C-alpha atoms as a PDB file:
ATOM      1  CA  MET A   1     -53.277  20.825   7.872  1.00  0.00           C
ATOM      2  CA  GLY A   2     -52.339  19.514   4.447  1.00  0.00           C
ATOM      3  CA  GLU A   3     -53.573  18.075   1.170  1.00  0.00           C
ATOM      4  CA  ILE A   4     -53.256  14.364   0.448  1.00  0.00           C
ATOM      5  CA  ASP A   5     -51.353  15.106  -2.783  1.00  0.00           C
ATOM      6  CA  GLY A   6     -48.809  17.270  -0.953  1.00  0.00           C
ATOM      7  CA  THR A   7     -49.708  20.556  -2.635  1.00  0.00           C
ATOM      8  CA  ILE A   8     -50.437  23.745  -0.716  1.00  0.00           C
ATOM      9  CA  ARG A   9     -53.539  25.364  -2.206  1.00  0.00           C
ATOM     10  CA  GLU A  10     -55.296  28.566  -1.255  1.00  0.00           C
ATOM     11  CA  ARG A  11     -58.014  26.494   0.438  1.00  0.00           C
ATOM     12  CA  THR A  12     -55.334  24.719   2.465  1.00  0.00           C
ATOM     13  CA  ALA A  13     -53.812  27.986   3.610  1.00  0.00           C
ATOM     14  CA  ALA A  14     -57.278  29.405   4.358  1.00  0.00           C
ATOM     15  CA  MET A  15     -58.194  26.419   6.504  1.00  0.00           C
ATOM     16  CA  HIS A  16     -54.849  26.687   8.280  1.00  0.00           C
ATOM     17  CA  ARG A  17     -55.583  30.340   9.113  1.00  0.00           C
ATOM     18  CA  LEU A  18     -58.966  29.339  10.530  1.00  0.00           C
ATOM     19  CA  LEU A  19     -57.452  26.534  12.604  1.00  0.00           C
ATOM     20  CA  ARG A  20     -54.904  28.926  14.082  1.00  0.00           C
ATOM     21  CA  ILE A  21     -57.761  30.900  15.646  1.00  0.00           C
ATOM     22  CA  PHE A  22     -58.310  27.909  17.927  1.00  0.00           C
ATOM     23  CA  GLU A  23     -54.784  26.452  17.895  1.00  0.00           C
ATOM     24  CA  PRO A  24     -52.044  29.015  17.270  1.00  0.00           C
ATOM     25  CA  ASP A  25     -49.495  26.200  16.837  1.00  0.00           C
ATOM     26  CA  ALA A  26     -51.430  24.491  14.016  1.00  0.00           C
ATOM     27  CA  VAL A  27     -49.018  23.314  11.315  1.00  0.00           C
ATOM     28  CA  LEU A  28     -49.368  23.724   7.544  1.00  0.00           C
ATOM     29  CA  THR A  29     -47.551  20.890   5.791  1.00  0.00           C
ATOM     30  CA  ASP A  30     -46.888  19.416   2.362  1.00  0.00           C
ATOM     31  CA  ASN A  31     -46.406  16.010   4.046  1.00  0.00           C
ATOM     32  CA  ILE A  32     -49.704  15.248   5.764  1.00  0.00           C
ATOM     33  CA  PHE A  33     -49.104  11.499   5.562  1.00  0.00           C
ATOM     34  CA  GLY A  34     -45.858  11.997   7.483  1.00  0.00           C
ATOM     35  CA  PHE A  35     -47.888  13.343  10.386  1.00  0.00           C
ATOM     36  CA  LEU A  36     -50.657  10.766  10.036  1.00  0.00           C
ATOM     37  CA  TRP A  37     -48.284   7.781  10.145  1.00  0.00           C
ATOM     38  CA  SER A  38     -46.460   9.244  13.141  1.00  0.00           C
ATOM     39  CA  LYS A  39     -49.832   9.717  14.835  1.00  0.00           C
ATOM     40  CA  LEU A  40     -50.571   6.047  14.156  1.00  0.00           C
ATOM     41  CA  ALA A  41     -47.299   5.030  15.799  1.00  0.00           C
ATOM     42  CA  TYR A  42     -47.922   7.260  18.799  1.00  0.00           C
ATOM     43  CA  GLY A  43     -51.545   6.100  18.926  1.00  0.00           C
ATOM     44  CA  ALA A  44     -50.397   2.479  19.078  1.00  0.00           C
ATOM     45  CA  MET A  45     -48.220   3.357  22.063  1.00  0.00           C
ATOM     46  CA  LEU A  46     -51.075   5.193  23.787  1.00  0.00           C
ATOM     47  CA  SER A  47     -53.319   2.189  23.160  1.00  0.00           C
ATOM     48  CA  ALA A  48     -50.760   0.017  24.942  1.00  0.00           C
ATOM     49  CA  THR A  49     -50.802   2.348  27.969  1.00  0.00           C
ATOM     50  CA  ALA A  50     -54.577   1.818  28.068  1.00  0.00           C
ATOM     51  CA  LEU A  51     -54.040  -1.807  29.093  1.00  0.00           C
ATOM     52  CA  THR A  52     -52.923  -0.610  32.542  1.00  0.00           C
ATOM     53  CA  MET A  53     -54.356   1.509  35.324  1.00  0.00           C
ATOM     54  CA  GLU A  54     -51.284   3.766  35.344  1.00  0.00           C
ATOM     55  CA  THR A  55     -51.155   7.138  33.617  1.00  0.00           C
ATOM     56  CA  MET A  56     -49.633   7.628  30.190  1.00  0.00           C
ATOM     57  CA  SER A  57     -46.570   9.329  31.696  1.00  0.00           C
ATOM     58  CA  GLU A  58     -46.082   6.525  34.235  1.00  0.00           C
ATOM     59  CA  ASN A  59     -46.162   3.995  31.412  1.00  0.00           C
ATOM     60  CA  PHE A  60     -43.670   5.883  29.250  1.00  0.00           C
ATOM     61  CA  ALA A  61     -41.343   6.366  32.236  1.00  0.00           C
ATOM     62  CA  ASP A  62     -41.285   2.648  33.123  1.00  0.00           C
ATOM     63  CA  PRO A  63     -38.129   1.054  31.629  1.00  0.00           C
ATOM     64  CA  GLU A  64     -39.673  -2.415  31.908  1.00  0.00           C
ATOM     65  CA  ARG A  65     -42.377  -1.358  29.445  1.00  0.00           C
ATOM     66  CA  ALA A  66     -39.994   0.378  27.037  1.00  0.00           C
ATOM     67  CA  PRO A  67     -39.509  -2.713  24.795  1.00  0.00           C
ATOM     68  CA  VAL A  68     -43.241  -2.702  24.036  1.00  0.00           C
ATOM     69  CA  PHE A  69     -43.235   0.950  22.997  1.00  0.00           C
ATOM     70  CA  ALA A  70     -40.039   0.370  21.018  1.00  0.00           C
ATOM     71  CA  ALA A  71     -41.557  -2.591  19.170  1.00  0.00           C
ATOM     72  CA  LEU A  72     -44.809  -0.759  18.392  1.00  0.00           C
ATOM     73  CA  GLY A  73     -42.967   2.330  17.177  1.00  0.00           C
ATOM     74  CA  ARG A  74     -40.596   0.305  15.020  1.00  0.00           C
ATOM     75  CA  GLU A  75     -43.400  -1.663  13.427  1.00  0.00           C
ATOM     76  CA  VAL A  76     -45.575   1.319  12.467  1.00  0.00           C
ATOM     77  CA  ILE A  77     -42.686   3.514  11.352  1.00  0.00           C
ATOM     78  CA  GLY A  78     -41.237   0.548   9.449  1.00  0.00           C
ATOM     79  CA  VAL A  79     -44.488   0.119   7.529  1.00  0.00           C
ATOM     80  CA  ALA A  80     -44.617   3.867   6.828  1.00  0.00           C
ATOM     81  CA  LEU A  81     -41.097   3.848   5.433  1.00  0.00           C
ATOM     82  CA  ALA A  82     -41.815   0.764   3.319  1.00  0.00           C
ATOM     83  CA  ALA A  83     -44.885   2.560   1.948  1.00  0.00           C
ATOM     84  CA  GLY A  84     -42.724   5.508   0.887  1.00  0.00           C
ATOM     85  CA  VAL A  85     -43.799   7.894   3.654  1.00  0.00           C
ATOM     86  CA  SER A  86     -41.393  10.203   5.523  1.00  0.00           C
ATOM     87  CA  PRO A  87     -42.744  10.345   9.107  1.00  0.00           C
ATOM     88  CA  LEU A  88     -42.673  13.695  10.937  1.00  0.00           C
ATOM     89  CA  GLY A  89     -42.313  14.359  14.656  1.00  0.00           C
ATOM     90  CA  PHE A  90     -44.645  16.190  17.033  1.00  0.00           C
ATOM     91  CA  ASP A  91     -45.294  16.683  20.784  1.00  0.00           C
ATOM     92  CA  GLY A  92     -42.265  14.695  21.937  1.00  0.00           C
ATOM     93  CA  PHE A  93     -42.725  11.877  19.450  1.00  0.00           C
ATOM     94  CA  ASP A  94     -39.597  11.471  17.316  1.00  0.00           C
ATOM     95  CA  PRO A  95     -40.113   8.959  14.493  1.00  0.00           C
ATOM     96  CA  SER A  96     -36.380   8.879  13.727  1.00  0.00           C
ATOM     97  CA  ALA A  97     -35.899   6.998  17.019  1.00  0.00           C
ATOM     98  CA  PHE A  98     -37.723   4.006  15.510  1.00  0.00           C
ATOM     99  CA  VAL A  99     -36.078   3.732  12.098  1.00  0.00           C
ATOM    100  CA  PRO A 100     -33.762   0.788  11.359  1.00  0.00           C
ATOM    101  CA  GLY A 101     -30.319   1.364  12.824  1.00  0.00           C
ATOM    102  CA  ALA A 102     -31.388   4.077  15.279  1.00  0.00           C
ATOM    103  CA  PRO A 103     -29.413   3.796  18.541  1.00  0.00           C
ATOM    104  CA  PRO A 104     -31.207   2.552  21.682  1.00  0.00           C
ATOM    105  CA  GLU A 105     -30.570   5.929  23.330  1.00  0.00           C
ATOM    106  CA  ALA A 106     -32.843   7.555  20.745  1.00  0.00           C
ATOM    107  CA  ILE A 107     -35.797   5.459  21.888  1.00  0.00           C
ATOM    108  CA  ARG A 108     -35.016   6.104  25.550  1.00  0.00           C
ATOM    109  CA  ARG A 109     -34.841   9.833  24.843  1.00  0.00           C
ATOM    110  CA  CYS A 110     -38.116   9.757  22.905  1.00  0.00           C
ATOM    111  CA  LEU A 111     -39.905   7.863  25.691  1.00  0.00           C
ATOM    112  CA  ALA A 112     -38.548  10.332  28.267  1.00  0.00           C
ATOM    113  CA  ASP A 113     -39.855  13.195  26.123  1.00  0.00           C
ATOM    114  CA  LEU A 114     -43.265  11.504  25.830  1.00  0.00           C
ATOM    115  CA  ALA A 115     -43.360  10.944  29.601  1.00  0.00           C
ATOM    116  CA  ALA A 116     -42.609  14.630  30.136  1.00  0.00           C
ATOM    117  CA  PHE A 117     -45.141  15.779  27.539  1.00  0.00           C
ATOM    118  CA  THR A 118     -47.999  13.599  28.829  1.00  0.00           C
ATOM    119  CA  ARG A 119     -47.185  14.542  32.423  1.00  0.00           C
ATOM    120  CA  GLN A 120     -47.905  18.215  31.763  1.00  0.00           C
ATOM    121  CA  THR A 121     -51.136  17.746  29.787  1.00  0.00           C
ATOM    122  CA  GLY A 122     -54.565  17.967  31.372  1.00  0.00           C
ATOM    123  CA  LYS A 123     -55.448  14.482  30.159  1.00  0.00           C
ATOM    124  CA  THR A 124     -53.513  11.864  32.136  1.00  0.00           C
ATOM    125  CA  ARG A 125     -54.942   8.808  30.361  1.00  0.00           C
ATOM    126  CA  SER A 126     -55.850   8.072  26.758  1.00  0.00           C
ATOM    127  CA  GLY A 127     -59.288   8.005  25.186  1.00  0.00           C
ATOM    128  CA  VAL A 128     -58.789   4.277  24.628  1.00  0.00           C
ATOM    129  CA  TRP A 129     -58.311   3.824  28.380  1.00  0.00           C
ATOM    130  CA  ARG A 130     -61.519   5.761  29.081  1.00  0.00           C
ATOM    131  CA  ASP A 131     -63.418   3.579  26.613  1.00  0.00           C
ATOM    132  CA  LEU A 132     -62.135   0.406  28.287  1.00  0.00           C
ATOM    133  CA  ALA A 133     -62.136   1.445  31.954  1.00  0.00           C
ATOM    134  CA  VAL A 134     -64.970   3.955  32.218  1.00  0.00           C
ATOM    135  CA  ARG A 135     -67.357   3.691  29.291  1.00  0.00           C
ATOM    136  CA  LYS A 136     -66.980  -0.088  28.916  1.00  0.00           C
ATOM    137  CA  ARG A 137     -67.311   0.086  25.147  1.00  0.00           C
ATOM    138  CA  ARG A 138     -65.379  -0.944  22.073  1.00  0.00           C
ATOM    139  CA  THR A 139     -62.417   1.216  21.141  1.00  0.00           C
ATOM    140  CA  GLU A 140     -61.045   2.468  17.820  1.00  0.00           C
ATOM    141  CA  VAL A 141     -57.875   0.376  18.211  1.00  0.00           C
ATOM    142  CA  GLU A 142     -58.753  -2.318  15.684  1.00  0.00           C
ATOM    143  CA  THR A 143     -60.205   0.199  13.224  1.00  0.00           C
ATOM    144  CA  GLN A 144     -57.027   2.299  13.309  1.00  0.00           C
ATOM    145  CA  LEU A 145     -54.332  -0.356  13.618  1.00  0.00           C
ATOM    146  CA  ALA A 146     -55.655  -3.348  11.645  1.00  0.00           C
ATOM    147  CA  PRO A 147     -55.096  -1.456   8.347  1.00  0.00           C
ATOM    148  CA  VAL A 148     -51.446  -0.978   9.369  1.00  0.00           C
ATOM    149  CA  VAL A 149     -51.168  -4.747   9.892  1.00  0.00           C
ATOM    150  CA  SER A 150     -52.807  -5.369   6.502  1.00  0.00           C
ATOM    151  CA  THR A 151     -50.473  -2.903   4.788  1.00  0.00           C
ATOM    152  CA  ALA A 152     -47.486  -4.536   6.472  1.00  0.00           C
ATOM    153  CA  ARG A 153     -48.586  -7.957   5.276  1.00  0.00           C
ATOM    154  CA  ARG A 154     -48.958  -6.649   1.723  1.00  0.00           C
ATOM    155  CA  LEU A 155     -45.424  -5.225   1.923  1.00  0.00           C
ATOM    156  CA  GLY A 156     -43.989  -8.450   3.332  1.00  0.00           C
ATOM    157  CA  LEU A 157     -43.461  -7.112   6.861  1.00  0.00           C
ATOM    158  CA  GLU A 158     -44.372  -8.733  10.182  1.00  0.00           C
ATOM    159  CA  THR A 159     -46.146  -6.881  12.997  1.00  0.00           C
ATOM    160  CA  PRO A 160     -46.240  -9.154  16.069  1.00  0.00           C
ATOM    161  CA  ALA A 161     -46.423  -6.269  18.553  1.00  0.00           C
ATOM    162  CA  LEU A 162     -49.328  -4.559  16.771  1.00  0.00           C
ATOM    163  CA  THR A 163     -51.149  -7.859  16.311  1.00  0.00           C
ATOM    164  CA  GLY A 164     -50.655  -8.693  19.979  1.00  0.00           C
ATOM    165  CA  LEU A 165     -51.882  -5.262  21.070  1.00  0.00           C
ATOM    166  CA  ILE A 166     -55.016  -5.477  18.932  1.00  0.00           C
ATOM    167  CA  GLY A 167     -55.746  -8.941  20.320  1.00  0.00           C
ATOM    168  CA  LEU A 168     -55.308  -7.922  23.958  1.00  0.00           C
ATOM    169  CA  VAL A 169     -57.489  -4.826  23.578  1.00  0.00           C
ATOM    170  CA  LYS A 170     -60.147  -7.014  21.978  1.00  0.00           C
ATOM    171  CA  GLU A 171     -59.977  -9.440  24.897  1.00  0.00           C
ATOM    172  CA  VAL A 172     -60.474  -6.554  27.348  1.00  0.00           C
ATOM    173  CA  GLU A 173     -63.387  -5.243  25.263  1.00  0.00           C
ATOM    174  CA  GLU A 174     -65.015  -8.683  25.365  1.00  0.00           C
ATOM    175  CA  GLY A 175     -64.495  -9.061  29.117  1.00  0.00           C
ATOM    176  CA  HIS A 176     -61.923 -11.871  28.875  1.00  0.00           C
ATOM    177  CA  ARG A 177     -59.158  -9.767  30.441  1.00  0.00           C
ATOM    178  CA  VAL A 178     -58.975  -6.920  32.940  1.00  0.00           C
ATOM    179  CA  LEU A 179     -56.854  -3.796  32.816  1.00  0.00           C
ATOM    180  CA  GLY A 180     -53.671  -4.023  34.834  1.00  0.00           C
ATOM    181  CA  SER A 181     -50.017  -4.905  34.941  1.00  0.00           C
ATOM    182  CA  GLU A 182     -50.686  -8.584  34.188  1.00  0.00           C
ATOM    183  CA  THR A 183     -52.327  -7.742  30.883  1.00  0.00           C
ATOM    184  CA  PHE A 184     -49.448  -5.445  29.974  1.00  0.00           C
ATOM    185  CA  ARG A 185     -47.045  -8.191  31.049  1.00  0.00           C
ATOM    186  CA  GLU A 186     -48.633 -10.386  28.390  1.00  0.00           C
ATOM    187  CA  LEU A 187     -47.827  -7.718  25.802  1.00  0.00           C
ATOM    188  CA  ILE A 188     -44.243  -7.510  27.082  1.00  0.00           C
ATOM    189  CA  GLU A 189     -43.892 -11.244  26.590  1.00  0.00           C
ATOM    190  CA  ARG A 190     -45.363 -11.060  23.079  1.00  0.00           C
ATOM    191  CA  CYS A 191     -42.849  -8.311  22.264  1.00  0.00           C
ATOM    192  CA  SER A 192     -39.897 -10.118  23.816  1.00  0.00           C
ATOM    193  CA  SER A 193     -38.303 -10.658  20.423  1.00  0.00           C
ATOM    194  CA  ALA A 194     -38.137  -6.883  19.866  1.00  0.00           C
ATOM    195  CA  SER A 195     -35.525  -5.475  22.252  1.00  0.00           C
ATOM    196  CA  MET A 196     -34.243  -1.964  22.810  1.00  0.00           C
ATOM    197  CA  ALA A 197     -31.151  -2.969  20.861  1.00  0.00           C
ATOM    198  CA  GLY A 198     -33.198  -3.275  17.687  1.00  0.00           C
END
């Protein structure tokens, strides 16, 4: 819970107290955009897991898929940093693992933490996966991630992994691709230029 201008007002604190009735671990912050950009990065990764029939934890634990998650994380966090935002971590997601110059071990550790976190939650697959596999409807992927691509372009940054992910999800939505390892393999190939070495 936080204000977009970073101040903590009485209304902010009051809303935080109300939220804690339902979620005792609710966080009051003066950096709401830090959380929101980290959620975008994590959301991009979850959207990638939705291209497969495996669970979120199985995806995060697969070293062959790690370059995709690394590329997505680096792109979103890179745009956040270029926009002057200081990303904040949550639930196993560590944005510092995706900043320029971060060691490869940091990404591996973050993905292991995400695999562990998603393994112990009641929801084994993302909402994006349910939209694609069960409800057969359009997802929020383009709505959430296309603005990141637009912001990156405005800041002079490239986002091949995000662009590839949005395109593949769209192809699944339109019935031109099916969920599975072959579709994820296409994303791996599109992210081949972004390695774990950074």
